[in-house]
């Protein structure tokens, strides 16, 4: 069966986190996806780890490139994406097991251009011990274009909006509007920048 969604994971010197992150994708209750593991010139053993996963699962595609930063890696992934939907995961993130199932069900049933979801920030010390967590939650909402502009400030200010890895998007939203990540931005500003662009181009979001 042809994949419905592509998951783009940029990787740079991430051996400490990679197993948990990749396993959280492979254990998804929804199985029909392609996982792009893009090694961005790592100098640790990240590439060896992801090559081992590729041998075990034919949904995985590995790209090994020179270091160009997270935006460049994501843009490489977007060029390769052929599926109806696309999403992102950073190399130190983990998905809830029903992440893909729940959001794809919503985006398909409501004919949305994109969906953003709640997230949990987990804090650990240098030894990997938990320091606690906080959650960024919100109530379910559907916005059509006329409502988007009325609520644009509150949406953009919400804690869930400034990241790309807590959402799923129609690939056409990127392709038809020629949206790519600005490779000059860093420290999360690249996510805020493209998130606002996506919001302005969308007709209906959840």
Foldseek 3Di string as FASTA:
>chain_A
DAAAEEEAEEDAQLPVAQVQAVVLVCLAPDHRYAYEYEYQQHPDCPVVVVVVVVVVDVSYDYHYYHHQDPQVSVQVVLVVDDHQKYAYDYSNDHDDNHLCVVQVVVCVVVVWQKEFAKDKAWDADPVRHTPDIDIQHDDDDKDFPVRCVVCVVVQLPRPRQLAGRRMMGGSCLCVVVVDGFDSVDDDSVSSSVVSSVSSNSIGMYD
